[in-house]
């Protein structure tokens, strides 16, 4: 019989963090992994016809804004080698 923890680990796997350690980097990495999992789920729902393109786009855009806000709140700055923010479509 599968435990709730095993189900959660299967559905929401977490990878180890190998970057240079700071508490902010570790928290942001967890936020980034959660963002990726939710985007993947939304893409699968859209591909399967469960939600339409506009709904998927709006939800992904909202998730992106949350991720940007968490990065800013953690005080993580863009380095010259990192890509700039995604361009707004509006």
PDB file of N, CA and C in Angstrom:
ATOM      1  N   UNK A   1       0.848  -1.178   0.000  1.00  0.00           N
ATOM      2  CA  UNK A   1       0.000   0.000   0.000  1.00  0.00           C
ATOM      3  C   UNK A   1       0.896   1.245   0.000  1.00  0.00           C
ATOM      4  N   UNK A   2       0.533   2.214  -0.817  1.00  0.00           N
ATOM      5  CA  UNK A   2       1.338   3.420  -0.966  1.00  0.00           C
ATOM      6  C   UNK A   2       0.916   4.470   0.056  1.00  0.00           C
ATOM      7  N   UNK A   3       1.906   5.040   0.735  1.00  0.00           N
ATOM      8  CA  UNK A   3       1.610   6.062   1.726  1.00  0.00           C
ATOM      9  C   UNK A   3       1.380   7.410   1.040  1.00  0.00           C
ATOM     10  N   UNK A   4       0.779   8.320   1.775  1.00  0.00           N
ATOM     11  CA  UNK A   4       0.555   9.669   1.248  1.00  0.00           C
ATOM     12  C   UNK A   4       1.873  10.343   0.904  1.00  0.00           C
ATOM     13  N   UNK A   5       2.883  10.117   1.720  1.00  0.00           N
ATOM     14  CA  UNK A   5       4.205  10.716   1.469  1.00  0.00           C
ATOM     15  C   UNK A   5       4.794  10.206   0.156  1.00  0.00           C
ATOM     16  N   UNK A   6       4.668   8.907  -0.085  1.00  0.00           N
ATOM     17  CA  UNK A   6       5.185   8.324  -1.330  1.00  0.00           C
ATOM     18  C   UNK A   6       4.445   8.891  -2.538  1.00  0.00           C
ATOM     19  N   UNK A   7       3.147   9.067  -2.414  1.00  0.00           N
ATOM     20  CA  UNK A   7       2.369   9.655  -3.507  1.00  0.00           C
ATOM     21  C   UNK A   7       2.820  11.087  -3.776  1.00  0.00           C
ATOM     22  N   UNK A   8       3.014  11.846  -2.698  1.00  0.00           N
ATOM     23  CA  UNK A   8       3.445  13.239  -2.848  1.00  0.00           C
ATOM     24  C   UNK A   8       4.828  13.318  -3.486  1.00  0.00           C
ATOM     25  N   UNK A   9       5.739  12.452  -3.065  1.00  0.00           N
ATOM     26  CA  UNK A   9       7.081  12.438  -3.644  1.00  0.00           C
ATOM     27  C   UNK A   9       7.042  12.052  -5.121  1.00  0.00           C
ATOM     28  N   UNK A  10       6.129  11.167  -5.491  1.00  0.00           N
ATOM     29  CA  UNK A  10       5.988  10.773  -6.893  1.00  0.00           C
ATOM     30  C   UNK A  10       5.414  11.911  -7.724  1.00  0.00           C
ATOM     31  N   UNK A  11       4.359  12.550  -7.221  1.00  0.00           N
ATOM     32  CA  UNK A  11       3.698  13.612  -7.969  1.00  0.00           C
ATOM     33  C   UNK A  11       4.484  14.917  -7.984  1.00  0.00           C
ATOM     34  N   UNK A  12       5.196  15.194  -6.905  1.00  0.00           N
ATOM     35  CA  UNK A  12       5.925  16.459  -6.774  1.00  0.00           C
ATOM     36  C   UNK A  12       7.377  16.183  -6.372  1.00  0.00           C
ATOM     37  N   UNK A  13       8.159  15.620  -7.290  1.00  0.00           N
ATOM     38  CA  UNK A  13       9.540  15.300  -6.936  1.00  0.00           C
ATOM     39  C   UNK A  13      10.366  16.565  -6.691  1.00  0.00           C
ATOM     40  N   UNK A  14      11.309  16.472  -5.806  1.00  0.00           N
ATOM     41  CA  UNK A  14      12.234  17.569  -5.502  1.00  0.00           C
ATOM     42  C   UNK A  14      13.637  17.103  -5.831  1.00  0.00           C
ATOM     43  N   UNK A  15      14.383  17.973  -6.480  1.00  0.00           N
ATOM     44  CA  UNK A  15      15.782  17.673  -6.765  1.00  0.00           C
ATOM     45  C   UNK A  15      16.664  18.341  -5.735  1.00  0.00           C
ATOM     46  N   UNK A  16      17.835  17.768  -5.508  1.00  0.00           N
ATOM     47  CA  UNK A  16      18.794  18.387  -4.603  1.00  0.00           C
ATOM     48  C   UNK A  16      19.283  19.695  -5.210  1.00  0.00           C
ATOM     49  N   UNK A  17      19.680  20.613  -4.348  1.00  0.00           N
ATOM     50  CA  UNK A  17      20.221  21.894  -4.790  1.00  0.00           C
ATOM     51  C   UNK A  17      21.734  21.803  -4.790  1.00  0.00           C
ATOM     52  N   UNK A  18      22.352  22.062  -5.948  1.00  0.00           N
ATOM     53  CA  UNK A  18      23.798  21.956  -6.087  1.00  0.00           C
ATOM     54  C   UNK A  18      24.487  23.305  -6.256  1.00  0.00           C
ATOM     55  N   UNK A  19      23.736  24.404  -6.267  1.00  0.00           N
ATOM     56  CA  UNK A  19      24.330  25.728  -6.444  1.00  0.00           C
ATOM     57  C   UNK A  19      25.056  26.183  -5.195  1.00  0.00           C
ATOM     58  N   UNK A  20      25.650  27.392  -5.284  1.00  0.00           N
ATOM     59  CA  UNK A  20      26.296  27.936  -4.097  1.00  0.00           C
ATOM     60  C   UNK A  20      25.224  28.243  -3.069  1.00  0.00           C
ATOM     61  N   UNK A  21      25.479  27.797  -1.840  1.00  0.00           N
ATOM     62  CA  UNK A  21      24.446  27.839  -0.812  1.00  0.00           C
ATOM     63  C   UNK A  21      24.341  29.206  -0.153  1.00  0.00           C
ATOM     64  N   UNK A  22      23.123  29.709  -0.168  1.00  0.00           N
ATOM     65  CA  UNK A  22      22.680  30.781   0.716  1.00  0.00           C
ATOM     66  C   UNK A  22      21.239  30.413   1.056  1.00  0.00           C
ATOM     67  N   UNK A  23      20.733  30.844   2.188  1.00  0.00           N
ATOM     68  CA  UNK A  23      19.332  30.528   2.490  1.00  0.00           C
ATOM     69  C   UNK A  23      18.387  31.038   1.401  1.00  0.00           C
ATOM     70  N   UNK A  24      18.683  32.227   0.851  1.00  0.00           N
ATOM     71  CA  UNK A  24      17.837  32.802  -0.196  1.00  0.00           C
ATOM     72  C   UNK A  24      17.860  31.933  -1.459  1.00  0.00           C
ATOM     73  N   UNK A  25      19.036  31.456  -1.827  1.00  0.00           N
ATOM     74  CA  UNK A  25      19.141  30.612  -3.017  1.00  0.00           C
ATOM     75  C   UNK A  25      18.386  29.306  -2.843  1.00  0.00           C
ATOM     76  N   UNK A  26      18.457  28.741  -1.661  1.00  0.00           N
ATOM     77  CA  UNK A  26      17.758  27.491  -1.382  1.00  0.00           C
ATOM     78  C   UNK A  26      16.245  27.681  -1.457  1.00  0.00           C
ATOM     79  N   UNK A  27      15.743  28.757  -0.871  1.00  0.00           N
ATOM     80  CA  UNK A  27      14.308  29.047  -0.912  1.00  0.00           C
ATOM     81  C   UNK A  27      13.869  29.319  -2.353  1.00  0.00           C
ATOM     82  N   UNK A  28      14.665  30.112  -3.080  1.00  0.00           N
ATOM     83  CA  UNK A  28      14.288  30.406  -4.465  1.00  0.00           C
ATOM     84  C   UNK A  28      14.291  29.140  -5.308  1.00  0.00           C
ATOM     85  N   UNK A  29      15.248  28.251  -5.077  1.00  0.00           N
ATOM     86  CA  UNK A  29      15.283  26.997  -5.815  1.00  0.00           C
ATOM     87  C   UNK A  29      14.009  26.189  -5.585  1.00  0.00           C
ATOM     88  N   UNK A  30      13.548  26.143  -4.336  1.00  0.00           N
ATOM     89  CA  UNK A  30      12.292  25.435  -4.034  1.00  0.00           C
ATOM     90  C   UNK A  30      11.127  26.096  -4.765  1.00  0.00           C
ATOM     91  N   UNK A  31      11.099  27.441  -4.780  1.00  0.00           N
ATOM     92  CA  UNK A  31      10.048  28.163  -5.497  1.00  0.00           C
ATOM     93  C   UNK A  31      10.121  27.882  -6.991  1.00  0.00           C
ATOM     94  N   UNK A  32      11.325  27.827  -7.536  1.00  0.00           N
ATOM     95  CA  UNK A  32      11.520  27.561  -8.952  1.00  0.00           C
ATOM     96  C   UNK A  32      11.048  26.156  -9.320  1.00  0.00           C
ATOM     97  N   UNK A  33      11.352  25.177  -8.480  1.00  0.00           N
ATOM     98  CA  UNK A  33      10.892  23.806  -8.739  1.00  0.00           C
ATOM     99  C   UNK A  33       9.364  23.723  -8.691  1.00  0.00           C
ATOM    100  N   UNK A  34       8.752  24.426  -7.745  1.00  0.00           N
ATOM    101  CA  UNK A  34       7.292  24.439  -7.664  1.00  0.00           C
ATOM    102  C   UNK A  34       6.690  25.096  -8.908  1.00  0.00           C
ATOM    103  N   UNK A  35       7.292  26.197  -9.355  1.00  0.00           N
ATOM    104  CA  UNK A  35       6.860  26.870 -10.576  1.00  0.00           C
ATOM    105  C   UNK A  35       6.905  25.897 -11.758  1.00  0.00           C
ATOM    106  N   UNK A  36       8.009  25.191 -11.908  1.00  0.00           N
ATOM    107  CA  UNK A  36       8.175  24.261 -13.022  1.00  0.00           C
ATOM    108  C   UNK A  36       7.129  23.145 -12.985  1.00  0.00           C
ATOM    109  N   UNK A  37       6.847  22.627 -11.797  1.00  0.00           N
ATOM    110  CA  UNK A  37       5.847  21.565 -11.676  1.00  0.00           C
ATOM    111  C   UNK A  37       4.463  22.064 -12.062  1.00  0.00           C
ATOM    112  N   UNK A  38       4.121  23.273 -11.613  1.00  0.00           N
ATOM    113  CA  UNK A  38       2.797  23.815 -11.925  1.00  0.00           C
ATOM    114  C   UNK A  38       2.663  24.141 -13.404  1.00  0.00           C
ATOM    115  N   UNK A  39       3.725  24.673 -14.016  1.00  0.00           N
ATOM    116  CA  UNK A  39       3.698  24.963 -15.451  1.00  0.00           C
ATOM    117  C   UNK A  39       3.532  23.660 -16.231  1.00  0.00           C
ATOM    118  N   UNK A  40       4.242  22.627 -15.822  1.00  0.00           N
ATOM    119  CA  UNK A  40       4.122  21.330 -16.482  1.00  0.00           C
ATOM    120  C   UNK A  40       2.689  20.806 -16.391  1.00  0.00           C
ATOM    121  N   UNK A  41       2.094  20.914 -15.221  1.00  0.00           N
ATOM    122  CA  UNK A  41       0.716  20.468 -15.037  1.00  0.00           C
ATOM    123  C   UNK A  41      -0.240  21.256 -15.936  1.00  0.00           C
ATOM    124  N   UNK A  42      -0.073  22.578 -15.981  1.00  0.00           N
ATOM    125  CA  UNK A  42      -0.932  23.407 -16.826  1.00  0.00           C
ATOM    126  C   UNK A  42      -0.761  23.059 -18.306  1.00  0.00           C
ATOM    127  N   UNK A  43       0.467  22.818 -18.732  1.00  0.00           N
ATOM    128  CA  UNK A  43       0.711  22.425 -20.123  1.00  0.00           C
ATOM    129  C   UNK A  43       0.022  21.105 -20.447  1.00  0.00           C
ATOM    130  N   UNK A  44       0.106  20.163 -19.518  1.00  0.00           N
ATOM    131  CA  UNK A  44      -0.552  18.869 -19.727  1.00  0.00           C
ATOM    132  C   UNK A  44      -2.067  19.000 -19.763  1.00  0.00           C
ATOM    133  N   UNK A  45      -2.622  19.851 -18.910  1.00  0.00           N
ATOM    134  CA  UNK A  45      -4.071  20.072 -18.921  1.00  0.00           C
ATOM    135  C   UNK A  45      -4.519  20.705 -20.241  1.00  0.00           C
ATOM    136  N   UNK A  46      -3.722  21.648 -20.739  1.00  0.00           N
ATOM    137  CA  UNK A  46      -4.061  22.306 -22.007  1.00  0.00           C
ATOM    138  C   UNK A  46      -3.923  21.319 -23.158  1.00  0.00           C
ATOM    139  N   UNK A  47      -2.860  20.541 -23.164  1.00  0.00           N
ATOM    140  CA  UNK A  47      -2.649  19.550 -24.220  1.00  0.00           C
ATOM    141  C   UNK A  47      -3.771  18.517 -24.225  1.00  0.00           C
ATOM    142  N   UNK A  48      -4.242  18.146 -23.061  1.00  0.00           N
ATOM    143  CA  UNK A  48      -5.315  17.160 -22.940  1.00  0.00           C
ATOM    144  C   UNK A  48      -6.708  17.736 -23.144  1.00  0.00           C
ATOM    145  N   UNK A  49      -6.801  19.034 -23.407  1.00  0.00           N
ATOM    146  CA  UNK A  49      -8.096  19.643 -23.673  1.00  0.00           C
ATOM    147  C   UNK A  49      -8.914  19.956 -22.433  1.00  0.00           C
ATOM    148  N   UNK A  50      -8.311  19.895 -21.261  1.00  0.00           N
ATOM    149  CA  UNK A  50      -9.044  20.157 -20.017  1.00  0.00           C
ATOM    150  C   UNK A  50      -9.186  21.655 -19.737  1.00  0.00           C
ATOM    151  N   UNK A  51      -8.216  22.465 -20.212  1.00  0.00           N
ATOM    152  CA  UNK A  51      -8.320  23.929 -20.130  1.00  0.00           C
ATOM    153  C   UNK A  51      -7.910  24.497 -21.482  1.00  0.00           C
ATOM    154  N   UNK A  52      -8.381  25.701 -21.787  1.00  0.00           N
ATOM    155  CA  UNK A  52      -8.021  26.279 -23.082  1.00  0.00           C
ATOM    156  C   UNK A  52      -6.699  27.040 -22.996  1.00  0.00           C
ATOM    157  N   UNK A  53      -6.184  27.433 -24.168  1.00  0.00           N
ATOM    158  CA  UNK A  53      -4.888  28.103 -24.242  1.00  0.00           C
ATOM    159  C   UNK A  53      -4.844  29.377 -23.419  1.00  0.00           C
ATOM    160  N   UNK A  54      -5.905  30.174 -23.501  1.00  0.00           N
ATOM    161  CA  UNK A  54      -5.919  31.448 -22.784  1.00  0.00           C
ATOM    162  C   UNK A  54      -5.864  31.242 -21.274  1.00  0.00           C
ATOM    163  N   UNK A  55      -6.598  30.261 -20.785  1.00  0.00           N
ATOM    164  CA  UNK A  55      -6.581  29.983 -19.342  1.00  0.00           C
ATOM    165  C   UNK A  55      -5.194  29.517 -18.908  1.00  0.00           C
ATOM    166  N   UNK A  56      -4.586  28.643 -19.701  1.00  0.00           N
ATOM    167  CA  UNK A  56      -3.242  28.157 -19.371  1.00  0.00           C
ATOM    168  C   UNK A  56      -2.255  29.317 -19.375  1.00  0.00           C
ATOM    169  N   UNK A  57      -2.317  30.152 -20.391  1.00  0.00           N
ATOM    170  CA  UNK A  57      -1.400  31.296 -20.496  1.00  0.00           C
ATOM    171  C   UNK A  57      -1.555  32.236 -19.307  1.00  0.00           C
ATOM    172  N   UNK A  58      -2.790  32.560 -18.966  1.00  0.00           N
ATOM    173  CA  UNK A  58      -3.028  33.488 -17.857  1.00  0.00           C
ATOM    174  C   UNK A  58      -2.516  32.921 -16.534  1.00  0.00           C
ATOM    175  N   UNK A  59      -2.736  31.626 -16.329  1.00  0.00           N
ATOM    176  CA  UNK A  59      -2.271  31.011 -15.082  1.00  0.00           C
ATOM    177  C   UNK A  59      -0.748  30.943 -15.031  1.00  0.00           C
ATOM    178  N   UNK A  60      -0.120  30.636 -16.167  1.00  0.00           N
ATOM    179  CA  UNK A  60       1.342  30.592 -16.208  1.00  0.00           C
ATOM    180  C   UNK A  60       1.913  31.989 -15.994  1.00  0.00           C
ATOM    181  N   UNK A  61       1.298  32.983 -16.596  1.00  0.00           N
ATOM    182  CA  UNK A  61       1.757  34.365 -16.413  1.00  0.00           C
ATOM    183  C   UNK A  61       1.646  34.780 -14.940  1.00  0.00           C
ATOM    184  N   UNK A  62       0.564  34.397 -14.276  1.00  0.00           N
ATOM    185  CA  UNK A  62       0.395  34.707 -12.852  1.00  0.00           C
ATOM    186  C   UNK A  62       1.469  33.998 -12.019  1.00  0.00           C
ATOM    187  N   UNK A  63       1.764  32.739 -12.356  1.00  0.00           N
ATOM    188  CA  UNK A  63       2.812  32.004 -11.652  1.00  0.00           C
ATOM    189  C   UNK A  63       4.175  32.668 -11.857  1.00  0.00           C
ATOM    190  N   UNK A  64       4.420  33.149 -13.092  1.00  0.00           N
ATOM    191  CA  UNK A  64       5.682  33.828 -13.392  1.00  0.00           C
ATOM    192  C   UNK A  64       5.813  35.097 -12.540  1.00  0.00           C
ATOM    193  N   UNK A  65       4.734  35.851 -12.413  1.00  0.00           N
ATOM    194  CA  UNK A  65       4.766  37.070 -11.597  1.00  0.00           C
ATOM    195  C   UNK A  65       5.048  36.733 -10.134  1.00  0.00           C
ATOM    196  N   UNK A  66       4.469  35.641  -9.640  1.00  0.00           N
ATOM    197  CA  UNK A  66       4.733  35.211  -8.257  1.00  0.00           C
ATOM    198  C   UNK A  66       6.198  34.833  -8.079  1.00  0.00           C
ATOM    199  N   UNK A  67       6.762  34.142  -9.075  1.00  0.00           N
ATOM    200  CA  UNK A  67       8.160  33.736  -8.995  1.00  0.00           C
ATOM    201  C   UNK A  67       9.072  34.965  -9.004  1.00  0.00           C
ATOM    202  N   UNK A  68       8.769  35.929  -9.872  1.00  0.00           N
ATOM    203  CA  UNK A  68       9.555  37.169  -9.915  1.00  0.00           C
ATOM    204  C   UNK A  68       9.473  37.911  -8.586  1.00  0.00           C
ATOM    205  N   UNK A  69       8.273  37.964  -8.011  1.00  0.00           N
ATOM    206  CA  UNK A  69       8.092  38.654  -6.726  1.00  0.00           C
ATOM    207  C   UNK A  69       8.872  37.947  -5.619  1.00  0.00           C
ATOM    208  N   UNK A  70       8.891  36.615  -5.636  1.00  0.00           N
ATOM    209  CA  UNK A  70       9.636  35.894  -4.600  1.00  0.00           C
ATOM    210  C   UNK A  70      11.135  36.155  -4.753  1.00  0.00           C
ATOM    211  N   UNK A  71      11.598  36.236  -5.981  1.00  0.00           N
ATOM    212  CA  UNK A  71      13.024  36.512  -6.224  1.00  0.00           C
ATOM    213  C   UNK A  71      13.401  37.896  -5.719  1.00  0.00           C
ATOM    214  N   UNK A  72      12.534  38.848  -5.999  1.00  0.00           N
ATOM    215  CA  UNK A  72      12.784  40.217  -5.544  1.00  0.00           C
ATOM    216  C   UNK A  72      12.742  40.286  -4.014  1.00  0.00           C
ATOM    217  N   UNK A  73      11.757  39.622  -3.408  1.00  0.00           N
ATOM    218  CA  UNK A  73      11.617  39.639  -1.948  1.00  0.00           C
ATOM    219  C   UNK A  73      12.819  38.983  -1.263  1.00  0.00           C
ATOM    220  N   UNK A  74      13.421  38.012  -1.928  1.00  0.00           N
ATOM    221  CA  UNK A  74      14.587  37.337  -1.370  1.00  0.00           C
ATOM    222  C   UNK A  74      15.876  38.125  -1.599  1.00  0.00           C
ATOM    223  N   UNK A  75      15.773  39.197  -2.393  1.00  0.00           N
ATOM    224  CA  UNK A  75      16.939  40.043  -2.636  1.00  0.00           C
ATOM    225  C   UNK A  75      17.947  39.437  -3.584  1.00  0.00           C
ATOM    226  N   UNK A  76      17.482  38.590  -4.489  1.00  0.00           N
ATOM    227  CA  UNK A  76      18.373  37.967  -5.461  1.00  0.00           C
ATOM    228  C   UNK A  76      18.397  38.847  -6.707  1.00  0.00           C
ATOM    229  N   UNK A  77      19.579  39.332  -7.059  1.00  0.00           N
ATOM    230  CA  UNK A  77      19.738  40.227  -8.202  1.00  0.00           C
ATOM    231  C   UNK A  77      20.077  39.438  -9.454  1.00  0.00           C
ATOM    232  N   UNK A  78      19.753  40.025 -10.618  1.00  0.00           N
ATOM    233  CA  UNK A  78      20.166  39.434 -11.888  1.00  0.00           C
ATOM    234  C   UNK A  78      21.670  39.584 -12.036  1.00  0.00           C
ATOM    235  N   UNK A  79      22.332  38.529 -12.463  1.00  0.00           N
ATOM    236  CA  UNK A  79      23.749  38.639 -12.784  1.00  0.00           C
ATOM    237  C   UNK A  79      23.852  38.902 -14.285  1.00  0.00           C
ATOM    238  N   UNK A  80      24.973  39.416 -14.770  1.00  0.00           N
ATOM    239  CA  UNK A  80      25.100  39.711 -16.196  1.00  0.00           C
ATOM    240  C   UNK A  80      24.938  38.493 -17.094  1.00  0.00           C
ATOM    241  N   UNK A  81      25.140  37.296 -16.560  1.00  0.00           N
ATOM    242  CA  UNK A  81      25.038  36.092 -17.375  1.00  0.00           C
ATOM    243  C   UNK A  81      23.648  35.487 -17.389  1.00  0.00           C
ATOM    244  N   UNK A  82      22.721  36.036 -16.591  1.00  0.00           N
ATOM    245  CA  UNK A  82      21.364  35.494 -16.534  1.00  0.00           C
ATOM    246  C   UNK A  82      20.476  36.202 -17.536  1.00  0.00           C
ATOM    247  N   UNK A  83      19.503  35.484 -18.102  1.00  0.00           N
ATOM    248  CA  UNK A  83      18.601  36.124 -19.045  1.00  0.00           C
ATOM    249  C   UNK A  83      17.752  37.187 -18.351  1.00  0.00           C
ATOM    250  N   UNK A  84      17.411  38.201 -19.101  1.00  0.00           N
ATOM    251  CA  UNK A  84      16.541  39.244 -18.567  1.00  0.00           C
ATOM    252  C   UNK A  84      15.135  38.686 -18.395  1.00  0.00           C
ATOM    253  N   UNK A  85      14.274  39.479 -17.781  1.00  0.00           N
ATOM    254  CA  UNK A  85      12.881  39.070 -17.598  1.00  0.00           C
ATOM    255  C   UNK A  85      12.242  38.801 -18.953  1.00  0.00           C
ATOM    256  N   UNK A  86      11.272  37.894 -18.946  1.00  0.00           N
ATOM    257  CA  UNK A  86      10.522  37.627 -20.170  1.00  0.00           C
ATOM    258  C   UNK A  86       9.844  38.925 -20.591  1.00  0.00           C
ATOM    259  N   UNK A  87       9.809  39.195 -21.880  1.00  0.00           N
ATOM    260  CA  UNK A  87       9.118  40.419 -22.329  1.00  0.00           C
ATOM    261  C   UNK A  87       7.613  40.282 -22.090  1.00  0.00           C
ATOM    262  N   UNK A  88       7.000  41.379 -21.697  1.00  0.00           N
ATOM    263  CA  UNK A  88       5.556  41.377 -21.512  1.00  0.00           C
ATOM    264  C   UNK A  88       4.892  41.443 -22.872  1.00  0.00           C
ATOM    265  N   UNK A  89       3.784  40.758 -22.990  1.00  0.00           N
ATOM    266  CA  UNK A  89       3.049  40.762 -24.259  1.00  0.00           C
ATOM    267  C   UNK A  89       2.110  41.960 -24.320  1.00  0.00           C
ATOM    268  N   UNK A  90       1.985  42.681 -23.221  1.00  0.00           N
ATOM    269  CA  UNK A  90       1.065  43.803 -23.192  1.00  0.00           C
ATOM    270  C   UNK A  90       1.809  45.104 -23.366  1.00  0.00           C
TER     271      UNK A  90
END
